């Protein structure tokens, strides 16, 4: 199975025509940024990494607040998942 790096190279080279190596680098950087931050990922339950990161940071902050106040309490997300702070 090809690595993510090789997939990126193949995609960029097949999609665009380039006159200079710097053009390849620029397009690759844009693609990598989009892939790493905006595109949904199977492993993140079809969430974009930036969305997933925001949700987990918000949840972690809630758990830390609840835990520091009075021990075992629950944090709820918008989808009504409950996470216990121990």
N, C-alpha and C. Protein backbone atom coordinates (compact mmCIF):
# COMPACT_ATOMS: atom_id res chain seq x y z
N UNK A 1 0.85 -1.18 0.00
CA UNK A 1 0.00 0.00 0.00
C UNK A 1 0.90 1.24 0.00
N UNK A 2 0.62 2.21 -0.88
CA UNK A 2 1.47 3.40 -0.95
C UNK A 2 1.32 4.27 0.29
N UNK A 3 2.40 4.92 0.65
CA UNK A 3 2.38 5.81 1.80
C UNK A 3 1.63 7.09 1.46
N UNK A 4 1.31 7.87 2.49
CA UNK A 4 0.62 9.14 2.27
C UNK A 4 1.49 10.08 1.42
N UNK A 5 2.78 10.04 1.67
CA UNK A 5 3.68 10.90 0.90
C UNK A 5 3.65 10.54 -0.58
N UNK A 6 3.68 9.25 -0.89
CA UNK A 6 3.66 8.86 -2.30
C UNK A 6 2.30 9.15 -2.93
N UNK A 7 1.22 9.01 -2.17
CA UNK A 7 -0.10 9.37 -2.69
C UNK A 7 -0.15 10.84 -3.06
N UNK A 8 0.44 11.66 -2.20
CA UNK A 8 0.47 13.10 -2.43
C UNK A 8 1.24 13.42 -3.70
N UNK A 9 2.40 12.81 -3.84
CA UNK A 9 3.23 13.06 -5.02
C UNK A 9 2.48 12.65 -6.29
N UNK A 10 1.89 11.49 -6.28
CA UNK A 10 1.16 11.01 -7.46
C UNK A 10 0.01 11.94 -7.79
N UNK A 11 -0.77 12.33 -6.77
CA UNK A 11 -1.92 13.22 -6.99
C UNK A 11 -1.47 14.54 -7.61
N UNK A 12 -0.47 15.17 -7.01
CA UNK A 12 -0.01 16.48 -7.48
C UNK A 12 0.54 16.38 -8.90
N UNK A 13 1.35 15.37 -9.17
CA UNK A 13 1.95 15.25 -10.50
C UNK A 13 0.94 14.91 -11.58
N UNK A 14 -0.10 14.16 -11.24
CA UNK A 14 -1.12 13.81 -12.22
C UNK A 14 -2.13 14.93 -12.45
N UNK A 15 -2.28 15.82 -11.49
CA UNK A 15 -3.31 16.84 -11.56
C UNK A 15 -2.85 18.13 -12.22
N UNK A 16 -1.61 18.48 -12.04
CA UNK A 16 -1.10 19.77 -12.51
C UNK A 16 0.08 19.58 -13.45
N UNK A 17 0.31 20.58 -14.29
CA UNK A 17 1.55 20.61 -15.07
C UNK A 17 2.42 21.73 -14.51
N UNK A 18 3.70 21.49 -14.45
CA UNK A 18 4.62 22.41 -13.78
C UNK A 18 5.78 22.78 -14.69
N UNK A 19 6.24 24.00 -14.51
CA UNK A 19 7.43 24.47 -15.22
C UNK A 19 8.66 24.44 -14.33
N UNK A 20 8.43 24.57 -13.02
CA UNK A 20 9.56 24.64 -12.09
C UNK A 20 9.28 23.77 -10.86
N UNK A 21 10.33 23.33 -10.22
CA UNK A 21 10.22 22.51 -9.03
C UNK A 21 9.52 23.26 -7.90
N UNK A 22 9.72 24.55 -7.79
CA UNK A 22 9.06 25.34 -6.75
C UNK A 22 7.54 25.30 -6.88
N UNK A 23 7.05 25.21 -8.10
CA UNK A 23 5.61 25.09 -8.31
C UNK A 23 5.09 23.77 -7.73
N UNK A 24 5.85 22.73 -7.90
CA UNK A 24 5.48 21.43 -7.32
C UNK A 24 5.43 21.54 -5.81
N UNK A 25 6.44 22.15 -5.22
CA UNK A 25 6.48 22.30 -3.77
C UNK A 25 5.30 23.11 -3.25
N UNK A 26 4.98 24.21 -3.93
CA UNK A 26 3.87 25.06 -3.50
C UNK A 26 2.54 24.30 -3.53
N UNK A 27 2.28 23.62 -4.64
CA UNK A 27 1.03 22.85 -4.75
C UNK A 27 0.99 21.73 -3.71
N UNK A 28 2.12 21.09 -3.48
CA UNK A 28 2.19 20.01 -2.50
C UNK A 28 1.89 20.54 -1.10
N UNK A 29 2.45 21.69 -0.76
CA UNK A 29 2.21 22.27 0.56
C UNK A 29 0.74 22.60 0.77
N UNK A 30 0.10 23.14 -0.25
CA UNK A 30 -1.33 23.45 -0.16
C UNK A 30 -2.14 22.16 0.04
N UNK A 31 -1.79 21.12 -0.73
CA UNK A 31 -2.51 19.85 -0.63
C UNK A 31 -2.32 19.23 0.76
N UNK A 32 -1.09 19.23 1.26
CA UNK A 32 -0.80 18.66 2.58
C UNK A 32 -1.57 19.42 3.66
N UNK A 33 -1.58 20.73 3.59
CA UNK A 33 -2.32 21.52 4.57
C UNK A 33 -3.81 21.19 4.54
N UNK A 34 -4.37 21.10 3.34
CA UNK A 34 -5.78 20.75 3.22
C UNK A 34 -6.05 19.35 3.77
N UNK A 35 -5.21 18.40 3.40
CA UNK A 35 -5.38 17.03 3.86
C UNK A 35 -5.27 16.92 5.38
N UNK A 36 -4.29 17.59 5.94
CA UNK A 36 -4.04 17.48 7.38
C UNK A 36 -5.01 18.28 8.24
N UNK A 37 -5.70 19.24 7.66
CA UNK A 37 -6.53 20.11 8.49
C UNK A 37 -8.00 20.16 8.11
N UNK A 38 -8.34 19.93 6.87
CA UNK A 38 -9.72 20.18 6.43
C UNK A 38 -10.48 18.96 5.94
N UNK A 39 -9.82 17.98 5.38
CA UNK A 39 -10.52 16.84 4.80
C UNK A 39 -10.93 15.84 5.88
N UNK A 40 -12.13 15.28 5.77
CA UNK A 40 -12.56 14.27 6.75
C UNK A 40 -11.68 13.02 6.68
N UNK A 41 -11.48 12.40 7.83
CA UNK A 41 -10.66 11.19 7.91
C UNK A 41 -11.49 10.06 8.52
N UNK A 42 -11.36 8.88 7.96
CA UNK A 42 -12.07 7.71 8.49
C UNK A 42 -11.73 7.47 9.96
N UNK A 43 -10.46 7.59 10.28
CA UNK A 43 -10.01 7.28 11.64
C UNK A 43 -10.52 8.28 12.68
N UNK A 44 -11.03 9.41 12.23
CA UNK A 44 -11.56 10.43 13.15
C UNK A 44 -13.08 10.51 13.05
N UNK A 45 -13.69 9.41 12.70
CA UNK A 45 -15.15 9.33 12.59
C UNK A 45 -15.68 10.34 11.57
N UNK A 46 -14.99 10.41 10.44
CA UNK A 46 -15.36 11.29 9.33
C UNK A 46 -15.32 12.78 9.69
N UNK A 47 -14.52 13.14 10.66
CA UNK A 47 -14.32 14.55 11.01
C UNK A 47 -13.01 15.03 10.39
N UNK A 48 -12.96 16.31 10.09
CA UNK A 48 -11.70 16.92 9.68
C UNK A 48 -10.81 17.02 10.91
N UNK A 49 -9.51 16.88 10.75
CA UNK A 49 -8.62 16.93 11.91
C UNK A 49 -8.77 18.19 12.76
N UNK A 50 -8.96 19.34 12.15
CA UNK A 50 -9.11 20.57 12.94
C UNK A 50 -10.40 20.53 13.78
N UNK A 51 -11.46 20.01 13.23
CA UNK A 51 -12.72 19.89 13.97
C UNK A 51 -12.55 18.89 15.12
N UNK A 52 -11.92 17.77 14.82
CA UNK A 52 -11.67 16.75 15.85
C UNK A 52 -10.82 17.33 16.98
N UNK A 53 -9.77 18.05 16.62
CA UNK A 53 -8.87 18.65 17.61
C UNK A 53 -9.63 19.63 18.50
N UNK A 54 -10.49 20.45 17.92
CA UNK A 54 -11.28 21.42 18.70
C UNK A 54 -12.20 20.69 19.67
N UNK A 55 -12.87 19.64 19.18
CA UNK A 55 -13.79 18.89 20.05
C UNK A 55 -13.05 18.21 21.19
N UNK A 56 -11.92 17.59 20.89
CA UNK A 56 -11.20 16.90 21.96
C UNK A 56 -10.58 17.89 22.94
N UNK A 57 -10.12 19.04 22.46
CA UNK A 57 -9.59 20.07 23.37
C UNK A 57 -10.69 20.60 24.28
N UNK A 58 -11.87 20.83 23.72
CA UNK A 58 -13.00 21.33 24.51
C UNK A 58 -13.42 20.28 25.55
N UNK A 59 -13.45 19.03 25.14
CA UNK A 59 -13.82 17.95 26.06
C UNK A 59 -12.78 17.81 27.16
N UNK A 60 -11.50 17.86 26.79
CA UNK A 60 -10.43 17.75 27.79
C UNK A 60 -10.52 18.88 28.81
N UNK A 61 -10.79 20.10 28.34
CA UNK A 61 -10.92 21.24 29.24
C UNK A 61 -12.09 21.04 30.19
N UNK A 62 -13.20 20.53 29.67
CA UNK A 62 -14.37 20.27 30.52
C UNK A 62 -14.03 19.22 31.57
N UNK A 63 -13.39 18.15 31.15
CA UNK A 63 -13.03 17.09 32.10
C UNK A 63 -12.09 17.62 33.18
N UNK A 64 -11.15 18.45 32.80
CA UNK A 64 -10.21 19.00 33.78
C UNK A 64 -10.92 19.92 34.77
N UNK A 65 -11.85 20.74 34.27
CA UNK A 65 -12.62 21.62 35.17
C UNK A 65 -13.47 20.80 36.14
N UNK A 66 -14.19 19.83 35.59
CA UNK A 66 -15.07 19.01 36.44
C UNK A 66 -14.26 18.24 37.47
N UNK A 67 -13.15 17.69 37.06
CA UNK A 67 -12.33 16.89 37.97
C UNK A 67 -11.74 17.75 39.08
N UNK A 68 -11.34 18.95 38.75
CA UNK A 68 -10.72 19.80 39.77
C UNK A 68 -11.75 20.34 40.76
N UNK A 69 -13.01 20.40 40.39
CA UNK A 69 -14.04 20.94 41.28
C UNK A 69 -14.48 19.94 42.35
N UNK A 70 -15.01 18.82 41.89
CA UNK A 70 -15.60 17.94 42.89
C UNK A 70 -15.49 16.46 42.56
N UNK A 71 -14.45 16.07 41.90
CA UNK A 71 -14.27 14.64 41.64
C UNK A 71 -15.08 14.14 40.48
N UNK A 72 -15.87 13.10 40.69
CA UNK A 72 -16.57 12.42 39.60
C UNK A 72 -17.78 13.22 39.14
N UNK A 73 -17.66 13.80 37.98
CA UNK A 73 -18.78 14.49 37.33
C UNK A 73 -18.72 14.16 35.85
N UNK A 74 -19.78 14.49 35.14
CA UNK A 74 -19.83 14.15 33.72
C UNK A 74 -19.77 15.40 32.85
N UNK A 75 -19.16 15.25 31.69
CA UNK A 75 -19.16 16.29 30.66
C UNK A 75 -19.99 15.76 29.50
N UNK A 76 -20.79 16.60 28.92
CA UNK A 76 -21.60 16.19 27.77
C UNK A 76 -21.15 16.93 26.53
N UNK A 77 -21.18 16.22 25.42
CA UNK A 77 -20.89 16.84 24.13
C UNK A 77 -22.22 17.13 23.46
N UNK A 78 -22.17 17.76 22.30
CA UNK A 78 -23.40 18.09 21.59
C UNK A 78 -24.18 16.85 21.17
N UNK A 79 -23.50 15.72 20.99
CA UNK A 79 -24.19 14.49 20.60
C UNK A 79 -24.61 13.67 21.81
N UNK A 80 -24.58 14.26 22.98
CA UNK A 80 -25.01 13.63 24.23
C UNK A 80 -24.18 12.43 24.65
N UNK A 81 -22.92 12.40 24.23
CA UNK A 81 -22.03 11.39 24.77
C UNK A 81 -21.61 11.87 26.15
N UNK A 82 -21.52 10.97 27.08
CA UNK A 82 -21.11 11.35 28.43
C UNK A 82 -19.74 10.80 28.71
N UNK A 83 -18.88 11.64 29.23
CA UNK A 83 -17.53 11.23 29.61
C UNK A 83 -17.35 11.53 31.08
N UNK A 84 -16.89 10.58 31.81
CA UNK A 84 -16.71 10.74 33.26
C UNK A 84 -15.29 11.21 33.57
N UNK A 85 -15.19 12.11 34.50
CA UNK A 85 -13.90 12.54 35.01
C UNK A 85 -13.67 11.79 36.31
N UNK A 86 -12.56 11.12 36.43
CA UNK A 86 -12.27 10.34 37.63
C UNK A 86 -11.10 10.92 38.38
